[in-house]
Amino acid sequence: ELTEDEHAERAQLRAEYVAAYKQSLINHLNNTKIVDEKGNKTPLRRKARNENEKQ
C-alpha cells in the first residue's frame, strides 16, 4: 500500500510521462511525410476536430 505522498508523486510522474509521450508523438508526426506514386513528398496535415475547425 502506498502512502498519500507516494500516490501524489506517482500521479505527478505519470502526468509528466504522458505529456512527454504525447509531445514525442506530435514531433514524430510533424516530421512525417507522405510519398505519392510520383515521389512527391507531402507533410501530414492535422485533421479538423469538427466541421467548424479547418487547418
C-alpha atoms as a PDB file:
ATOM      1  CA  GLU A   1       0.000   0.000   0.000  1.00  0.00           C
ATOM      2  CA  LEU A   2       1.293   3.444  -0.922  1.00  0.00           C
ATOM      3  CA  THR A   3       1.256   6.470   1.309  1.00  0.00           C
ATOM      4  CA  GLU A   4      -0.633   9.613   0.328  1.00  0.00           C
ATOM      5  CA  ASP A   5       2.651  11.289  -0.660  1.00  0.00           C
ATOM      6  CA  GLU A   6       3.620   8.307  -2.793  1.00  0.00           C
ATOM      7  CA  HIS A   7       0.225   8.392  -4.551  1.00  0.00           C
ATOM      8  CA  ALA A   8       0.706  12.100  -5.280  1.00  0.00           C
ATOM      9  CA  GLU A   9       4.238  11.526  -6.567  1.00  0.00           C
ATOM     10  CA  ARG A  10       3.082   8.640  -8.753  1.00  0.00           C
ATOM     11  CA  ALA A  11       0.285  10.780 -10.220  1.00  0.00           C
ATOM     12  CA  GLN A  12       2.721  13.611 -10.943  1.00  0.00           C
ATOM     13  CA  LEU A  13       5.247  11.286 -12.579  1.00  0.00           C
ATOM     14  CA  ARG A  14       2.522   9.623 -14.639  1.00  0.00           C
ATOM     15  CA  ALA A  15       1.268  13.029 -15.841  1.00  0.00           C
ATOM     16  CA  GLU A  16       4.816  14.065 -16.796  1.00  0.00           C
ATOM     17  CA  TYR A  17       5.337  10.783 -18.654  1.00  0.00           C
ATOM     18  CA  VAL A  18       2.060  11.102 -20.577  1.00  0.00           C
ATOM     19  CA  ALA A  19       2.831  14.719 -21.531  1.00  0.00           C
ATOM     20  CA  ALA A  20       6.311  13.752 -22.758  1.00  0.00           C
ATOM     21  CA  TYR A  21       4.897  10.789 -24.705  1.00  0.00           C
ATOM     22  CA  LYS A  22       2.273  12.967 -26.396  1.00  0.00           C
ATOM     23  CA  GLN A  23       4.846  15.620 -27.301  1.00  0.00           C
ATOM     24  CA  SER A  24       7.152  12.970 -28.741  1.00  0.00           C
ATOM     25  CA  LEU A  25       4.321  11.597 -30.879  1.00  0.00           C
ATOM     26  CA  ILE A  26       3.376  15.094 -32.087  1.00  0.00           C
ATOM     27  CA  ASN A  27       7.005  15.795 -33.029  1.00  0.00           C
ATOM     28  CA  HIS A  28       7.213  12.488 -34.881  1.00  0.00           C
ATOM     29  CA  LEU A  29       4.020  13.177 -36.827  1.00  0.00           C
ATOM     30  CA  ASN A  30       5.122  16.740 -37.612  1.00  0.00           C
ATOM     31  CA  ASN A  31       8.219  15.292 -39.295  1.00  0.00           C
ATOM     32  CA  THR A  32       6.349  12.579 -41.219  1.00  0.00           C
ATOM     33  CA  LYS A  33       5.944  12.954 -44.976  1.00  0.00           C
ATOM     34  CA  ILE A  34       3.624  11.058 -47.304  1.00  0.00           C
ATOM     35  CA  VAL A  35       5.253   9.986 -50.573  1.00  0.00           C
ATOM     36  CA  ASP A  36       2.872   9.523 -53.507  1.00  0.00           C
ATOM     37  CA  GLU A  37       3.380   7.274 -56.523  1.00  0.00           C
ATOM     38  CA  LYS A  38       5.283  10.056 -58.338  1.00  0.00           C
ATOM     39  CA  GLY A  39       7.706  10.518 -55.462  1.00  0.00           C
ATOM     40  CA  ASN A  40       6.223  13.805 -54.266  1.00  0.00           C
ATOM     41  CA  LYS A  41       6.627  14.321 -50.539  1.00  0.00           C
ATOM     42  CA  THR A  42       3.747  15.954 -48.695  1.00  0.00           C
ATOM     43  CA  PRO A  43       3.786  16.710 -44.973  1.00  0.00           C
ATOM     44  CA  LEU A  44       0.936  15.385 -42.874  1.00  0.00           C
ATOM     45  CA  ARG A  45      -1.820  17.869 -42.155  1.00  0.00           C
ATOM     46  CA  ARG A  46      -3.765  17.992 -38.945  1.00  0.00           C
ATOM     47  CA  LYS A  47      -7.298  16.750 -39.293  1.00  0.00           C
ATOM     48  CA  ALA A  48     -10.007  19.183 -38.170  1.00  0.00           C
ATOM     49  CA  ARG A  49     -11.577  18.164 -34.873  1.00  0.00           C
ATOM     50  CA  ASN A  50     -15.003  19.263 -36.052  1.00  0.00           C
ATOM     51  CA  GLU A  51     -16.664  20.810 -39.087  1.00  0.00           C
ATOM     52  CA  ASN A  52     -16.001  24.387 -37.909  1.00  0.00           C
ATOM     53  CA  GLU A  53     -12.262  23.894 -37.419  1.00  0.00           C
ATOM     54  CA  LYS A  54     -10.140  23.940 -40.570  1.00  0.00           C
ATOM     55  CA  GLN A  55      -6.343  23.570 -40.765  1.00  0.00           C
END
